[in-house]
Each structure stands twice: as C-alpha cells, then as structure tokens.
Amino acid sequence: MSLREAGIFIRDKAAGFIKRKTGRLQAVINNKKIKTKTFYLYVFCVLLPVLVTNILIINYAFIAARDEKDKNINNIVDSVIYEITSSLESAVFVIIDVYANASIYNFLDAHYDNDGSYLNAYNRIFNNYVFNASTKFLVSGITLYSDNETMISGGRFFRIDDVKNQEWYRQYIQGEQNVFIYPLF
C-alpha cells in the first residue's frame, strides 16, 4: 500500500465515521417537529456558544482583577515596610547621636546650685545640634529622663520620678534591656 493509498484509506474511514454519527443524528432530528428543530438549533448554535464565550471572558476578568488586587496589596505592604524601616532607622540615628554626645551626659549628671544655673545649662544644651538634627530624621521629639535631683522637669529633660508609675517605664525596667521600643499614640 502506497502513502497515497494509505491517506485515501484514512480519509475514507474518517468520512465513514462522521457519516455514521451524523446519520444517526440526522435520523433523530428528522423525526422531530420544526419547532423542536428550531429550539435545538437555537440552543446548540446560539445559546451554548454565547454561554461558553461569556464564561471564558468573565473567568478571565475575575483572574485579572484578583491579580491586580494582589499586586496592589503587595505594593501597599512593601510601602508600609519601607516606611516602618525608615522611621526606625531615623530613630536609631538620633539615638546614636544622643549616646555619642558627651555634653548631654555632662548636662544630665551636673549638680545645679539654683534654677538659674540649670536654665543657662538647659539653653546651651537645647541649642545642641542633636535636637535640631532630629527633625531631619523625621523624629517628632526627644525626651530624656534623669535621676538628677537638681534638674527642673520640663522641655525635653525630665526627672525620672515623673514617669516611674507609667506603664512603658515599668515594662522597660522589667525587661532589663538597654533599648526598649514602646509605641505611644
């Protein structure tokens, strides 16, 4: 059998198969009323293709909307992570400046004979670059506490007695940590 004859044989077999199947379908349809035939024609040639097409389009739209929502949520999460990280880094930079500044330690540890000497020292230390630089790092305020009995509480420096009963201070003391982060709202 040649290649051409094999091709003709396969074509004839396929045509016979299709004829047999459509022949049975034709026999079933030929015995129906014209109203039933029109109904079948409407269902299989109009309604079914429209339904399948609409289902595919709606499914694609839902998938695209879900993907867009997921992408937006991921962008928001990344933005929040960046903002929190940036804020914490800014706070760390200010804390490093405060820890590295010897004049602040001297101010907090000094013994003041009267209120006037304290206020003069306060004005000198308040004009320190650390407090001005904190605005550059997005830190809204720095408050330092000391157990120095000769200090006057106010401004950015307070005596530790003023906060010993507050929740954040108790948690800091109980935690026995050098650095403690407590959100205040």
C-alpha atoms as a PDB file:
ATOM      1  CA  MET A   1       0.000   0.000   0.000  1.00  0.00           C
ATOM      2  CA  SER A   2       1.482   3.341  -1.003  1.00  0.00           C
ATOM      3  CA  LEU A   3       1.433   6.513   1.062  1.00  0.00           C
ATOM      4  CA  ARG A   4      -1.228   7.995  -1.171  1.00  0.00           C
ATOM      5  CA  GLU A   5      -3.425   4.933  -0.848  1.00  0.00           C
ATOM      6  CA  ALA A   6      -2.973   4.972   2.948  1.00  0.00           C
ATOM      7  CA  GLY A   7      -4.050   8.617   3.063  1.00  0.00           C
ATOM      8  CA  ILE A   8      -7.127   7.900   0.961  1.00  0.00           C
ATOM      9  CA  PHE A   9      -7.932   4.894   3.169  1.00  0.00           C
ATOM     10  CA  ILE A  10      -7.721   7.023   6.370  1.00  0.00           C
ATOM     11  CA  ARG A  11      -9.793   9.789   4.784  1.00  0.00           C
ATOM     12  CA  ASP A  12     -12.463   7.303   3.729  1.00  0.00           C
ATOM     13  CA  LYS A  13     -12.542   5.737   7.214  1.00  0.00           C
ATOM     14  CA  ALA A  14     -12.887   9.168   8.853  1.00  0.00           C
ATOM     15  CA  ALA A  15     -15.577  10.205   6.388  1.00  0.00           C
ATOM     16  CA  GLY A  16     -17.447   6.961   7.072  1.00  0.00           C
ATOM     17  CA  PHE A  17     -17.220   7.508  10.823  1.00  0.00           C
ATOM     18  CA  ILE A  18     -18.528  11.061  10.524  1.00  0.00           C
ATOM     19  CA  LYS A  19     -21.299   9.942   8.181  1.00  0.00           C
ATOM     20  CA  ARG A  20     -22.408   7.211  10.555  1.00  0.00           C
ATOM     21  CA  LYS A  21     -22.505   9.590  13.511  1.00  0.00           C
ATOM     22  CA  THR A  22     -24.225  12.419  11.635  1.00  0.00           C
ATOM     23  CA  GLY A  23     -26.524   9.905  10.004  1.00  0.00           C
ATOM     24  CA  ARG A  24     -27.799   8.841  13.403  1.00  0.00           C
ATOM     25  CA  LEU A  25     -28.127  12.480  14.430  1.00  0.00           C
ATOM     26  CA  GLN A  26     -29.959  13.244  11.197  1.00  0.00           C
ATOM     27  CA  ALA A  27     -32.330  10.355  11.808  1.00  0.00           C
ATOM     28  CA  VAL A  28     -33.109  11.636  15.281  1.00  0.00           C
ATOM     29  CA  ILE A  29     -33.579  15.236  14.094  1.00  0.00           C
ATOM     30  CA  ASN A  30     -35.631  14.319  11.002  1.00  0.00           C
ATOM     31  CA  ASN A  31     -38.277  12.724  13.210  1.00  0.00           C
ATOM     32  CA  LYS A  32     -38.801  15.956  15.205  1.00  0.00           C
ATOM     33  CA  LYS A  33     -41.191  18.804  14.562  1.00  0.00           C
ATOM     34  CA  ILE A  34     -39.887  22.055  13.077  1.00  0.00           C
ATOM     35  CA  LYS A  35     -40.442  23.834  16.414  1.00  0.00           C
ATOM     36  CA  THR A  36     -38.186  21.306  18.190  1.00  0.00           C
ATOM     37  CA  LYS A  37     -35.569  21.554  15.421  1.00  0.00           C
ATOM     38  CA  THR A  38     -35.533  25.347  15.760  1.00  0.00           C
ATOM     39  CA  PHE A  39     -35.159  25.002  19.504  1.00  0.00           C
ATOM     40  CA  TYR A  40     -32.182  22.618  19.068  1.00  0.00           C
ATOM     41  CA  LEU A  41     -30.658  24.965  16.511  1.00  0.00           C
ATOM     42  CA  TYR A  42     -31.046  27.923  18.896  1.00  0.00           C
ATOM     43  CA  VAL A  43     -29.619  26.035  21.883  1.00  0.00           C
ATOM     44  CA  PHE A  44     -26.608  24.458  20.111  1.00  0.00           C
ATOM     45  CA  CYS A  45     -25.759  27.205  17.624  1.00  0.00           C
ATOM     46  CA  VAL A  46     -26.622  30.384  19.554  1.00  0.00           C
ATOM     47  CA  LEU A  47     -27.152  29.905  23.284  1.00  0.00           C
ATOM     48  CA  LEU A  48     -24.378  27.390  24.039  1.00  0.00           C
ATOM     49  CA  PRO A  49     -21.591  29.274  22.168  1.00  0.00           C
ATOM     50  CA  VAL A  50     -22.639  32.571  23.774  1.00  0.00           C
ATOM     51  CA  LEU A  51     -22.658  30.988  27.242  1.00  0.00           C
ATOM     52  CA  VAL A  52     -19.247  29.363  26.762  1.00  0.00           C
ATOM     53  CA  THR A  53     -17.755  32.604  25.435  1.00  0.00           C
ATOM     54  CA  ASN A  54     -19.222  34.668  28.275  1.00  0.00           C
ATOM     55  CA  ILE A  55     -17.999  32.192  30.908  1.00  0.00           C
ATOM     56  CA  LEU A  56     -14.483  32.338  29.474  1.00  0.00           C
ATOM     57  CA  ILE A  57     -14.482  36.154  29.362  1.00  0.00           C
ATOM     58  CA  ILE A  58     -15.877  36.516  32.893  1.00  0.00           C
ATOM     59  CA  ASN A  59     -13.373  33.972  34.216  1.00  0.00           C
ATOM     60  CA  TYR A  60     -10.516  35.917  32.589  1.00  0.00           C
ATOM     61  CA  ALA A  61     -11.838  39.186  34.065  1.00  0.00           C
ATOM     62  CA  PHE A  62     -12.015  37.680  37.579  1.00  0.00           C
ATOM     63  CA  ILE A  63      -8.467  36.317  37.286  1.00  0.00           C
ATOM     64  CA  ALA A  64      -7.172  39.691  36.055  1.00  0.00           C
ATOM     65  CA  ALA A  65      -8.987  41.543  38.873  1.00  0.00           C
ATOM     66  CA  ARG A  66      -7.617  39.147  41.501  1.00  0.00           C
ATOM     67  CA  ASP A  67      -4.077  39.504  40.140  1.00  0.00           C
ATOM     68  CA  GLU A  68      -4.403  43.307  40.164  1.00  0.00           C
ATOM     69  CA  LYS A  69      -5.706  43.254  43.737  1.00  0.00           C
ATOM     70  CA  ASP A  70      -2.829  41.009  44.840  1.00  0.00           C
ATOM     71  CA  LYS A  71      -0.340  43.313  43.126  1.00  0.00           C
ATOM     72  CA  ASN A  72      -1.855  46.371  44.860  1.00  0.00           C
ATOM     73  CA  ILE A  73      -1.776  44.647  48.260  1.00  0.00           C
ATOM     74  CA  ASN A  74       1.874  43.685  47.743  1.00  0.00           C
ATOM     75  CA  ASN A  75       2.715  47.277  46.803  1.00  0.00           C
ATOM     76  CA  ILE A  76       0.980  48.574  49.938  1.00  0.00           C
ATOM     77  CA  VAL A  77       2.798  46.030  52.122  1.00  0.00           C
ATOM     78  CA  ASP A  78       6.146  46.986  50.578  1.00  0.00           C
ATOM     79  CA  SER A  79       5.364  50.666  51.157  1.00  0.00           C
ATOM     80  CA  VAL A  80       4.442  50.094  54.805  1.00  0.00           C
ATOM     81  CA  ILE A  81       7.577  48.021  55.369  1.00  0.00           C
ATOM     82  CA  TYR A  82       9.689  50.787  53.854  1.00  0.00           C
ATOM     83  CA  GLU A  83       8.026  53.477  55.992  1.00  0.00           C
ATOM     84  CA  ILE A  84       8.439  51.491  59.217  1.00  0.00           C
ATOM     85  CA  THR A  85      12.054  50.649  58.411  1.00  0.00           C
ATOM     86  CA  SER A  86      12.794  54.255  57.513  1.00  0.00           C
ATOM     87  CA  SER A  87      11.212  55.530  60.732  1.00  0.00           C
ATOM     88  CA  LEU A  88      13.130  53.053  62.875  1.00  0.00           C
ATOM     89  CA  GLU A  89      16.397  53.892  61.108  1.00  0.00           C
ATOM     90  CA  SER A  90      15.770  57.595  61.729  1.00  0.00           C
ATOM     91  CA  ALA A  91      15.179  56.929  65.402  1.00  0.00           C
ATOM     92  CA  VAL A  92      18.352  54.843  65.598  1.00  0.00           C
ATOM     93  CA  PHE A  93      20.394  57.657  64.019  1.00  0.00           C
ATOM     94  CA  VAL A  94      19.080  60.147  66.575  1.00  0.00           C
ATOM     95  CA  ILE A  95      19.712  57.712  69.447  1.00  0.00           C
ATOM     96  CA  ILE A  96      23.290  57.215  68.258  1.00  0.00           C
ATOM     97  CA  ASP A  97      23.772  60.988  68.166  1.00  0.00           C
ATOM     98  CA  VAL A  98      22.420  61.337  71.707  1.00  0.00           C
ATOM     99  CA  TYR A  99      24.560  58.481  73.059  1.00  0.00           C
ATOM    100  CA  ALA A 100      27.684  59.842  71.375  1.00  0.00           C
ATOM    101  CA  ASN A 101      27.182  63.377  72.675  1.00  0.00           C
ATOM    102  CA  ALA A 102      29.232  63.961  75.830  1.00  0.00           C
ATOM    103  CA  SER A 103      27.671  67.367  76.501  1.00  0.00           C
ATOM    104  CA  ILE A 104      24.269  65.756  77.069  1.00  0.00           C
ATOM    105  CA  TYR A 105      25.748  63.351  79.621  1.00  0.00           C
ATOM    106  CA  ASN A 106      27.510  66.239  81.348  1.00  0.00           C
ATOM    107  CA  PHE A 107      24.253  68.218  81.455  1.00  0.00           C
ATOM    108  CA  LEU A 108      22.284  65.289  82.897  1.00  0.00           C
ATOM    109  CA  ASP A 109      24.931  64.468  85.540  1.00  0.00           C
ATOM    110  CA  ALA A 110      25.807  68.034  86.613  1.00  0.00           C
ATOM    111  CA  HIS A 111      24.788  69.346  90.023  1.00  0.00           C
ATOM    112  CA  TYR A 112      22.919  72.661  89.800  1.00  0.00           C
ATOM    113  CA  ASP A 113      23.033  75.082  92.716  1.00  0.00           C
ATOM    114  CA  ASN A 114      19.936  77.015  91.656  1.00  0.00           C
ATOM    115  CA  ASP A 115      17.294  77.241  88.968  1.00  0.00           C
ATOM    116  CA  GLY A 116      19.187  79.941  87.073  1.00  0.00           C
ATOM    117  CA  SER A 117      22.290  77.810  86.582  1.00  0.00           C
ATOM    118  CA  TYR A 118      20.087  74.945  85.418  1.00  0.00           C
ATOM    119  CA  LEU A 119      18.253  77.181  82.893  1.00  0.00           C
ATOM    120  CA  ASN A 120      21.549  78.518  81.497  1.00  0.00           C
ATOM    121  CA  ALA A 121      22.854  74.988  81.029  1.00  0.00           C
ATOM    122  CA  TYR A 122      19.495  73.960  79.568  1.00  0.00           C
ATOM    123  CA  ASN A 123      19.597  76.715  76.948  1.00  0.00           C
ATOM    124  CA  ARG A 124      23.134  75.758  75.933  1.00  0.00           C
ATOM    125  CA  ILE A 125      22.275  72.071  75.591  1.00  0.00           C
ATOM    126  CA  PHE A 126      18.917  72.718  73.922  1.00  0.00           C
ATOM    127  CA  ASN A 127      20.629  74.571  71.110  1.00  0.00           C
ATOM    128  CA  ASN A 128      22.714  71.443  70.585  1.00  0.00           C
ATOM    129  CA  TYR A 129      22.693  70.107  67.047  1.00  0.00           C
ATOM    130  CA  VAL A 130      21.149  66.765  68.106  1.00  0.00           C
ATOM    131  CA  PHE A 131      17.779  68.298  68.849  1.00  0.00           C
ATOM    132  CA  ASN A 132      17.813  70.293  65.639  1.00  0.00           C
ATOM    133  CA  ALA A 133      19.026  67.312  63.613  1.00  0.00           C
ATOM    134  CA  SER A 134      16.190  65.146  64.918  1.00  0.00           C
ATOM    135  CA  THR A 135      13.724  66.979  62.670  1.00  0.00           C
ATOM    136  CA  LYS A 136      15.846  65.990  59.683  1.00  0.00           C
ATOM    137  CA  PHE A 137      15.416  62.331  60.651  1.00  0.00           C
ATOM    138  CA  LEU A 138      11.611  62.541  60.996  1.00  0.00           C
ATOM    139  CA  VAL A 139      11.703  62.236  64.787  1.00  0.00           C
ATOM    140  CA  SER A 140       8.982  64.372  66.304  1.00  0.00           C
ATOM    141  CA  GLY A 141      10.564  64.800  69.708  1.00  0.00           C
ATOM    142  CA  ILE A 142      13.276  63.613  72.037  1.00  0.00           C
ATOM    143  CA  THR A 143      12.656  63.421  75.767  1.00  0.00           C
ATOM    144  CA  LEU A 144      15.457  62.478  78.129  1.00  0.00           C
ATOM    145  CA  TYR A 145      14.978  61.372  81.737  1.00  0.00           C
ATOM    146  CA  SER A 146      17.477  61.565  84.576  1.00  0.00           C
ATOM    147  CA  ASP A 147      17.582  60.788  88.263  1.00  0.00           C
ATOM    148  CA  ASN A 148      19.358  64.120  88.901  1.00  0.00           C
ATOM    149  CA  GLU A 149      17.533  65.752  91.829  1.00  0.00           C
ATOM    150  CA  THR A 150      18.761  69.269  90.925  1.00  0.00           C
ATOM    151  CA  MET A 151      17.096  69.262  87.473  1.00  0.00           C
ATOM    152  CA  ILE A 152      13.820  71.012  86.751  1.00  0.00           C
ATOM    153  CA  SER A 153      11.393  68.854  84.768  1.00  0.00           C
ATOM    154  CA  GLY A 154      10.279  70.451  81.543  1.00  0.00           C
ATOM    155  CA  GLY A 155      11.053  70.905  77.878  1.00  0.00           C
ATOM    156  CA  ARG A 156      12.977  67.876  76.682  1.00  0.00           C
ATOM    157  CA  PHE A 157      14.513  66.881  80.035  1.00  0.00           C
ATOM    158  CA  PHE A 158      12.558  65.382  82.907  1.00  0.00           C
ATOM    159  CA  ARG A 159      13.294  63.759  86.203  1.00  0.00           C
ATOM    160  CA  ILE A 160      12.755  60.024  86.261  1.00  0.00           C
ATOM    161  CA  ASP A 161      10.364  60.395  89.217  1.00  0.00           C
ATOM    162  CA  ASP A 162       7.790  61.862  86.805  1.00  0.00           C
ATOM    163  CA  VAL A 163       7.431  58.584  84.868  1.00  0.00           C
ATOM    164  CA  LYS A 164       8.091  55.809  87.368  1.00  0.00           C
ATOM    165  CA  ASN A 165       4.371  54.971  87.556  1.00  0.00           C
ATOM    166  CA  GLN A 166       3.808  54.851  83.787  1.00  0.00           C
ATOM    167  CA  GLU A 167       3.316  51.527  82.017  1.00  0.00           C
ATOM    168  CA  TRP A 168       6.142  51.957  79.491  1.00  0.00           C
ATOM    169  CA  TYR A 169       8.678  52.658  82.238  1.00  0.00           C
ATOM    170  CA  ARG A 170       7.616  49.610  84.247  1.00  0.00           C
ATOM    171  CA  GLN A 171       7.922  47.413  81.152  1.00  0.00           C
ATOM    172  CA  TYR A 172      11.355  48.883  80.436  1.00  0.00           C
ATOM    173  CA  ILE A 173      12.582  48.147  83.981  1.00  0.00           C
ATOM    174  CA  GLN A 174      11.112  44.621  83.967  1.00  0.00           C
ATOM    175  CA  GLY A 175      12.615  43.885  80.535  1.00  0.00           C
ATOM    176  CA  GLU A 176      16.169  44.634  81.685  1.00  0.00           C
ATOM    177  CA  GLN A 177      17.134  45.751  78.175  1.00  0.00           C
ATOM    178  CA  ASN A 178      19.386  48.583  77.035  1.00  0.00           C
ATOM    179  CA  VAL A 179      17.000  49.636  74.248  1.00  0.00           C
ATOM    180  CA  PHE A 180      13.238  49.479  74.582  1.00  0.00           C
ATOM    181  CA  ILE A 181      10.638  50.387  71.940  1.00  0.00           C
ATOM    182  CA  TYR A 182       7.159  51.207  73.158  1.00  0.00           C
ATOM    183  CA  PRO A 183       4.605  52.758  70.790  1.00  0.00           C
ATOM    184  CA  LEU A 184       2.772  55.791  72.158  1.00  0.00           C
ATOM    185  CA  PHE A 185      -0.346  57.065  70.448  1.00  0.00           C
END
